[in-house]
Structure formats: C-alpha cells, structure tokens
Amino acid sequence: MSIIVDKVTKIYGKQKALDEVSFQIEAGEIVGLLGPNGAGKSTIMKIISCFIPPTYGEASVYGYDVMEEPLEVRKRIGYLPENNPLYLEMYVKEYLEFVAGIHKLDNKKARISEMIETTGLQIEQDKKIGALSKGYRQRVGLAHALIHDPEVLILDEPTTGLDPNQIIEIRELIQKIGKEKTVMLSTHIMQEVEAICDRAIIINKGRIVADDKTKNLSTTRLENQVVSVEFDKEIPEKELKKLKGILNLKKVDEKTWVIESAHDTDIRSDLFKFAVEKSLTVLSLNKEAQSLEKVFQNLTK
C-alpha cells in the first residue's frame, strides 16, 4: 500500500481540524481530495508530507511512519504546496540545480534535463522564474517535486489561478505523471477530479463523508433517479402518471418526457412494459447521472 492514514486526528487549540480520518491509497492511483475551504484537506497533506505531526493516529508512506521515520518518508514524496514558493530571482535551470543539490543527486545534469523535458520547460529554461507566467511557475514547482524521482506526488490546489489553457496543460501533465506514480491532489474544482482522478475522497469539517471511485460517486449517491424517455407517439400525461414510483413528470416535447422517481426505484423496466401495453416504440431511454458537483453539495452542506 502506498499511503495509509489510520484514525488521524489534528487539534489546533480548541479546533479539531481532523477527526479520526482513515483511508488507504494503492500504488499508481490518482486520488482527488475534495472539500470546502477549511475542511482539512491541506492538513492531511501536511501530515502525510511530515510538515506537521498528527495529534493522534498514525500515517505511513510505503511502510515508513511519518512520525518515526520522516526522512525516509520525505525521500519518497514530492510535494507541491498551494502557494508554490519559488526563488523568483533564480533562473529555471539554476533553481533546479539548487534543488538537485539539496537532494544530493549523483546524476544532476541528466535529471534536470529530464525534468525540463517532462514538464515542458524547454523554451523557458533560461529565463528567471519571476519572468514566467503562473502556468510555467507551476511547471517549475512540479519539476521541483519530481526531481528526486519520488514514488508519491502530493499536489495542493495545483491549478488555482491558472487560465483555461494552462489548466488543461497541467491536468494533462498530472495524468502523464500518474501513469508511473501515486498522485494525491487537493482541489475544489469538480471538473478536475472527473477529468483526471480514479477515485475521490470528500472531506467535510474534518471527517470523511465519501470515498469511492469517481465514476461511482455520481451514480450511487443520487437523491432521486431521473430518466428521459422518447416514444414514437404522443402520450397524455395522465397515462404516464399511472406508473408506480413516479415523483415528478416534465414534458420536453410532444413525445419526450423527463421522469423523476425515488433513488431506490428504477422505473425503466416499467416504462418498457408501459410501451408494449400501449403499442408504443421507445426511441430512447437514458438514465441521468448526478453531477459530482451536486454530490459534493449534498454531502458538504
């Protein structure tokens, strides 16, 4: 197991930032950590990265305890914090040489060249970091986090403040990195999780309220089921209302309806039976998935 967090609690004064948080992340997973501002996302990442200790509980990375063996943990983690602190007066290559020196890499030159290519910094490598756009500064931060070839990459709000094109570029880069490493990223952008994460952990007020595959969250946590159906003929509303389990009906056009039923009631089979009884043809029948954004709102209100 790549990361294990077991009943971790963090208390600041009278505030409980984390309350017995537990989860495990397997090697090679890309996991999104979601939650409102102040939910505890950054606190979890800082504990895993050995920046702060837990008040109670245990956390480990590849078997190394964050409290007992922090140096071994740090060797295996690349961390990009939200504010991405960089030395703006240093040149890109100069900065990466500095970071490689901190890690005491034997193959500094080759590794720097590899990181510049991996993160797409070729045309900017001879510029001062202060002259770069925020998108390229994020790339420098990623190069910093990756230069010692860690098994785990932890990213705190990696696309905050970027324009749409830069966001797409950084997402693609994270997906590329995720093919070889375990990636854990914190974000409040639902589209980001849907685009790049295999799994999502939703945290609210210091507690985990959902932990599942991203594709499952939008289907297993529906408040109600919604289907759209198109028949080949016009149907009176009173006829459809006779079906059991219908909570709401909305007419889209003469032959198309949007039907809402209880979350534990799948009305699709009844619609097919209804069509046979009425000598109708079902031209289309689609079950609508709830957006991850709606799931997030329901769980964190």
Protein backbone atom coordinates (compact mmCIF):
# COMPACT_ATOMS: atom_id res chain seq x y z
CA MET A 1 0.00 0.00 0.00
CA SER A 2 1.37 3.42 -0.96
CA ILE A 3 -0.27 5.61 1.71
CA ILE A 4 -2.02 4.53 4.91
CA VAL A 5 -3.82 7.02 7.17
CA ASP A 6 -5.31 5.44 10.29
CA LYS A 7 -7.63 7.40 12.63
CA VAL A 8 -5.63 10.61 12.26
CA THR A 9 -6.83 13.50 14.40
CA LYS A 10 -5.37 17.01 14.40
CA ILE A 11 -6.31 19.59 17.03
CA TYR A 12 -5.36 23.28 16.96
CA GLY A 13 -6.19 24.74 20.35
CA LYS A 14 -9.93 24.14 20.70
CA GLN A 15 -10.46 23.42 17.00
CA LYS A 16 -10.47 19.84 15.71
CA ALA A 17 -9.19 20.17 12.14
CA LEU A 18 -9.24 16.39 11.53
CA ASP A 19 -11.41 13.87 13.34
CA GLU A 20 -10.25 10.23 13.10
CA VAL A 21 -9.60 10.30 9.34
CA SER A 22 -8.73 6.92 7.82
CA PHE A 23 -8.03 5.85 4.23
CA GLN A 24 -5.56 3.87 2.13
CA ILE A 25 -4.18 4.66 -1.32
CA GLU A 26 -2.71 1.97 -3.55
CA ALA A 27 0.38 2.47 -5.70
CA GLY A 28 -0.46 4.01 -9.07
CA GLU A 29 -3.77 5.59 -8.05
CA ILE A 30 -4.67 9.22 -8.81
CA VAL A 31 -6.84 10.30 -5.89
CA GLY A 32 -8.67 13.61 -5.53
CA LEU A 33 -9.12 15.05 -2.03
CA LEU A 34 -12.22 17.26 -2.08
CA GLY A 35 -13.79 19.52 0.48
CA PRO A 36 -14.89 23.09 1.24
CA ASN A 37 -12.35 25.64 2.40
CA GLY A 38 -11.25 24.76 5.92
CA ALA A 39 -12.40 21.14 5.66
CA GLY A 40 -8.95 19.76 6.49
CA LYS A 41 -7.52 18.89 3.06
CA SER A 42 -4.23 20.76 3.43
CA THR A 43 -3.83 19.49 6.99
CA ILE A 44 -3.99 15.87 5.78
CA MET A 45 -1.41 16.58 3.08
CA LYS A 46 0.93 18.33 5.51
CA ILE A 47 0.75 15.40 7.92
CA ILE A 48 1.50 12.87 5.17
CA SER A 49 4.37 15.08 3.97
CA CYS A 50 5.83 15.35 7.52
CA PHE A 51 5.34 19.13 7.70
CA ILE A 52 3.17 18.86 10.82
CA PRO A 53 2.54 15.96 13.23
CA PRO A 54 -0.87 14.44 13.95
CA THR A 55 -2.29 14.91 17.42
CA TYR A 56 -3.47 11.30 17.43
CA GLY A 57 -3.45 8.45 14.94
CA GLU A 58 -0.88 7.10 12.51
CA ALA A 59 0.15 7.73 8.91
CA SER A 60 2.72 5.97 6.76
CA VAL A 61 4.12 6.10 3.23
CA TYR A 62 5.37 2.84 1.75
CA GLY A 63 5.60 1.42 5.25
CA TYR A 64 7.54 4.33 6.78
CA ASP A 65 5.83 6.10 9.69
CA VAL A 66 5.59 9.89 9.31
CA MET A 67 6.48 10.40 12.97
CA GLU A 68 9.15 7.74 13.44
CA GLU A 69 10.89 7.88 10.03
CA PRO A 70 10.20 11.32 8.49
CA LEU A 71 13.40 11.40 6.41
CA GLU A 72 12.51 8.11 4.72
CA VAL A 73 9.00 9.40 4.05
CA ARG A 74 10.30 12.65 2.52
CA LYS A 75 12.59 10.72 0.18
CA ARG A 76 9.52 9.06 -1.28
CA ILE A 77 7.29 12.13 -1.57
CA GLY A 78 7.21 15.03 -3.98
CA TYR A 79 5.12 17.88 -2.58
CA LEU A 80 3.74 20.92 -4.40
CA PRO A 81 2.07 23.25 -1.84
CA GLU A 82 -0.74 25.58 -2.84
CA ASN A 83 1.33 28.79 -2.81
CA ASN A 84 4.24 27.12 -4.69
CA PRO A 85 7.13 29.04 -3.06
CA LEU A 86 9.94 29.67 -5.56
CA TYR A 87 13.05 31.85 -5.69
CA LEU A 88 11.90 34.34 -8.30
CA GLU A 89 15.36 35.83 -8.90
CA MET A 90 16.84 32.47 -9.87
CA TYR A 91 16.88 31.12 -13.41
CA VAL A 92 14.89 27.95 -14.06
CA LYS A 93 17.91 25.69 -14.61
CA GLU A 94 19.77 27.37 -11.76
CA TYR A 95 16.86 26.70 -9.41
CA LEU A 96 16.58 23.04 -10.43
CA GLU A 97 20.35 22.64 -9.92
CA PHE A 98 19.89 24.07 -6.43
CA VAL A 99 17.06 21.60 -5.67
CA ALA A 100 19.02 18.67 -7.12
CA GLY A 101 21.92 19.65 -4.85
CA ILE A 102 19.66 19.58 -1.79
CA HIS A 103 18.66 16.02 -2.70
CA LYS A 104 22.34 15.16 -3.32
CA LEU A 105 21.61 13.62 -6.71
CA ASP A 106 24.53 11.94 -8.45
CA ASN A 107 23.14 12.47 -11.96
CA LYS A 108 22.14 16.13 -11.55
CA LYS A 109 22.64 17.26 -15.15
CA ALA A 110 20.77 14.34 -16.70
CA ARG A 111 17.95 14.57 -14.18
CA ILE A 112 17.49 18.31 -14.68
CA SER A 113 17.32 17.83 -18.45
CA GLU A 114 14.75 15.06 -17.98
CA MET A 115 12.57 17.20 -15.71
CA ILE A 116 12.72 20.16 -18.10
CA GLU A 117 11.51 17.90 -20.90
CA THR A 118 8.88 16.12 -18.77
CA THR A 119 7.32 19.36 -17.55
CA GLY A 120 7.58 21.20 -20.89
CA LEU A 121 10.01 23.89 -19.72
CA GLN A 122 12.37 23.73 -22.70
CA ILE A 123 11.63 27.20 -24.10
CA GLU A 124 11.61 28.80 -20.62
CA GLN A 125 14.62 27.09 -19.04
CA ASP A 126 16.96 30.07 -19.44
CA LYS A 127 14.53 32.62 -18.01
CA LYS A 128 14.25 33.91 -14.48
CA ILE A 129 11.37 32.32 -12.59
CA GLY A 130 9.96 35.77 -11.83
CA ALA A 131 9.52 36.36 -15.58
CA LEU A 132 7.40 33.23 -16.08
CA SER A 133 3.61 33.03 -16.29
CA LYS A 134 1.85 31.31 -13.41
CA GLY A 135 1.32 28.23 -15.57
CA TYR A 136 5.05 27.87 -16.15
CA ARG A 137 5.79 28.54 -12.49
CA GLN A 138 3.54 25.59 -11.67
CA ARG A 139 5.61 23.52 -14.08
CA VAL A 140 8.76 24.58 -12.24
CA GLY A 141 7.09 23.56 -8.98
CA LEU A 142 6.24 20.16 -10.46
CA ALA A 143 9.81 19.74 -11.71
CA HIS A 144 10.98 20.55 -8.17
CA ALA A 145 8.60 17.97 -6.68
CA LEU A 146 9.65 15.28 -9.19
CA ILE A 147 13.40 15.81 -9.50
CA HIS A 148 14.35 13.19 -6.87
CA ASP A 149 12.05 10.63 -8.56
CA PRO A 150 9.59 10.10 -5.65
CA GLU A 151 7.05 7.27 -5.61
CA VAL A 152 4.29 9.61 -4.34
CA LEU A 153 3.32 13.05 -5.64
CA ILE A 154 1.16 15.30 -3.42
CA LEU A 155 -0.36 18.38 -5.06
CA ASP A 156 -2.28 21.05 -3.14
CA GLU A 157 -4.62 23.01 -5.46
CA PRO A 158 -2.27 22.61 -8.48
CA THR A 159 -4.40 24.63 -10.94
CA THR A 160 -5.55 27.53 -8.75
CA GLY A 161 -5.24 30.86 -10.57
CA LEU A 162 -4.44 29.37 -13.99
CA ASP A 163 -6.26 30.29 -17.19
CA PRO A 164 -8.31 27.58 -19.00
CA ASN A 165 -5.48 26.63 -21.39
CA GLN A 166 -2.95 26.38 -18.57
CA ILE A 167 -5.39 24.26 -16.53
CA ILE A 168 -5.72 21.76 -19.39
CA GLU A 169 -1.92 21.63 -19.81
CA ILE A 170 -1.29 20.98 -16.09
CA ARG A 171 -4.06 18.35 -15.96
CA GLU A 172 -2.53 16.51 -18.91
CA LEU A 173 0.86 16.66 -17.23
CA ILE A 174 -0.56 15.23 -13.99
CA GLN A 175 -2.24 12.41 -15.92
CA LYS A 176 1.07 11.63 -17.61
CA ILE A 177 2.89 11.56 -14.27
CA GLY A 178 0.12 9.43 -12.76
CA LYS A 179 0.92 6.56 -15.11
CA GLU A 180 4.10 5.93 -13.14
CA LYS A 181 3.44 7.34 -9.64
CA THR A 182 0.84 7.57 -6.91
CA VAL A 183 -0.76 11.03 -7.09
CA MET A 184 -2.86 12.70 -4.41
CA LEU A 185 -4.25 16.11 -5.23
CA SER A 186 -6.37 18.55 -3.32
CA THR A 187 -8.90 20.63 -5.23
CA HIS A 188 -12.37 22.17 -5.02
CA ILE A 189 -12.84 22.02 -8.82
CA MET A 190 -15.17 19.10 -9.55
CA GLN A 191 -14.34 19.01 -13.26
CA GLU A 192 -10.71 18.49 -12.35
CA VAL A 193 -11.49 15.39 -10.34
CA GLU A 194 -13.77 13.98 -13.04
CA ALA A 195 -11.09 14.63 -15.67
CA ILE A 196 -8.04 13.09 -14.02
CA CYS A 197 -8.82 11.19 -10.79
CA ASP A 198 -9.53 7.46 -10.46
CA ARG A 199 -11.01 8.00 -7.02
CA ALA A 200 -12.34 10.81 -4.86
CA ILE A 201 -12.27 11.30 -1.10
CA ILE A 202 -14.66 14.00 0.11
CA ILE A 203 -13.94 15.56 3.49
CA ASN A 204 -16.18 17.94 5.42
CA LYS A 205 -15.49 19.52 8.83
CA GLY A 206 -12.51 17.23 9.38
CA ARG A 207 -14.33 13.96 8.63
CA ILE A 208 -14.51 11.81 5.51
CA VAL A 209 -18.08 11.79 4.16
CA ALA A 210 -17.43 9.84 0.93
CA ASP A 211 -14.67 7.66 -0.51
CA ASP A 212 -15.28 5.87 -3.82
CA LYS A 213 -14.30 5.57 -7.46
CA THR A 214 -15.07 8.86 -9.20
CA LYS A 215 -17.45 7.22 -11.67
CA ASN A 216 -19.40 5.61 -8.82
CA LEU A 217 -19.97 8.76 -6.77
CA SER A 218 -22.25 10.29 -9.38
CA THR A 219 -24.47 7.19 -9.58
CA THR A 220 -24.57 5.70 -6.08
CA ARG A 221 -25.39 8.89 -4.17
CA LEU A 222 -28.40 10.13 -6.10
CA GLU A 223 -31.19 11.82 -4.15
CA ASN A 224 -33.66 10.68 -6.83
CA GLN A 225 -33.35 8.84 -10.14
CA VAL A 226 -34.03 10.79 -13.32
CA VAL A 227 -34.64 9.25 -16.74
CA SER A 228 -35.53 10.79 -20.08
CA VAL A 229 -37.69 8.77 -22.45
CA GLU A 230 -38.81 9.40 -26.03
CA PHE A 231 -41.72 7.48 -27.54
CA ASP A 232 -42.73 7.32 -31.20
CA LYS A 233 -46.16 8.80 -30.42
CA GLU A 234 -47.63 11.48 -28.18
CA ILE A 235 -48.74 10.21 -24.74
CA PRO A 236 -51.15 12.01 -22.36
CA GLU A 237 -49.60 12.92 -19.01
CA LYS A 238 -52.40 11.19 -17.11
CA GLU A 239 -51.42 7.84 -18.67
CA LEU A 240 -47.79 8.11 -17.52
CA LYS A 241 -48.84 9.20 -14.04
CA LYS A 242 -50.45 5.79 -13.54
CA LEU A 243 -46.99 4.21 -13.28
CA LYS A 244 -45.91 3.47 -9.70
CA GLY A 245 -42.98 5.31 -8.22
CA ILE A 246 -43.12 8.48 -10.32
CA LEU A 247 -42.43 11.58 -8.24
CA ASN A 248 -42.33 14.19 -10.98
CA LEU A 249 -43.01 14.49 -14.72
CA LYS A 250 -41.71 17.09 -17.13
CA LYS A 251 -42.76 17.27 -20.78
CA VAL A 252 -39.89 18.20 -23.09
CA ASP A 253 -41.88 17.98 -26.35
CA GLU A 254 -44.87 16.02 -27.66
CA LYS A 255 -43.10 12.64 -27.42
CA THR A 256 -40.33 13.18 -24.83
CA TRP A 257 -40.58 13.17 -21.06
CA VAL A 258 -38.20 13.61 -18.13
CA ILE A 259 -39.32 11.39 -15.25
CA GLU A 260 -38.13 11.55 -11.65
CA SER A 261 -38.50 8.62 -9.27
CA ALA A 262 -37.19 7.70 -5.80
CA HIS A 263 -33.46 6.90 -5.58
CA ASP A 264 -34.20 3.19 -4.92
CA THR A 265 -36.76 2.87 -7.74
CA ASP A 266 -35.59 2.05 -11.28
CA ILE A 267 -38.58 2.85 -13.44
CA ARG A 268 -37.06 1.88 -16.79
CA SER A 269 -38.46 -1.67 -16.91
CA ASP A 270 -41.95 -0.34 -16.14
CA LEU A 271 -41.61 2.16 -18.97
CA PHE A 272 -40.84 -0.65 -21.42
CA LYS A 273 -43.85 -2.64 -20.19
CA PHE A 274 -45.98 0.51 -20.50
CA ALA A 275 -44.80 0.97 -24.10
CA VAL A 276 -45.71 -2.63 -25.00
CA GLU A 277 -49.17 -2.32 -23.46
CA LYS A 278 -49.83 0.93 -25.35
CA SER A 279 -48.32 -0.33 -28.64
CA LEU A 280 -45.55 2.27 -28.45
CA THR A 281 -41.93 2.19 -29.52
CA VAL A 282 -39.28 3.53 -27.14
CA LEU A 283 -36.96 5.59 -29.34
CA SER A 284 -34.57 6.48 -26.49
CA LEU A 285 -34.30 5.89 -22.76
CA ASN A 286 -31.47 7.43 -20.73
CA LYS A 287 -30.74 7.42 -17.02
CA GLU A 288 -29.19 10.71 -15.98
CA ALA A 289 -26.19 10.62 -13.65
CA GLN A 290 -25.98 13.22 -10.94
CA SER A 291 -23.01 15.54 -11.37
CA LEU A 292 -20.10 15.20 -8.95
CA GLU A 293 -20.67 18.86 -8.10
CA LYS A 294 -24.22 18.06 -6.94
CA VAL A 295 -22.96 15.09 -4.90
CA PHE A 296 -20.36 17.39 -3.30
CA GLN A 297 -23.03 19.95 -2.40
CA ASN A 298 -25.30 17.31 -0.88
CA LEU A 299 -22.51 15.91 1.29
CA THR A 300 -20.95 19.17 2.46
CA LYS A 301 -23.92 21.47 3.08
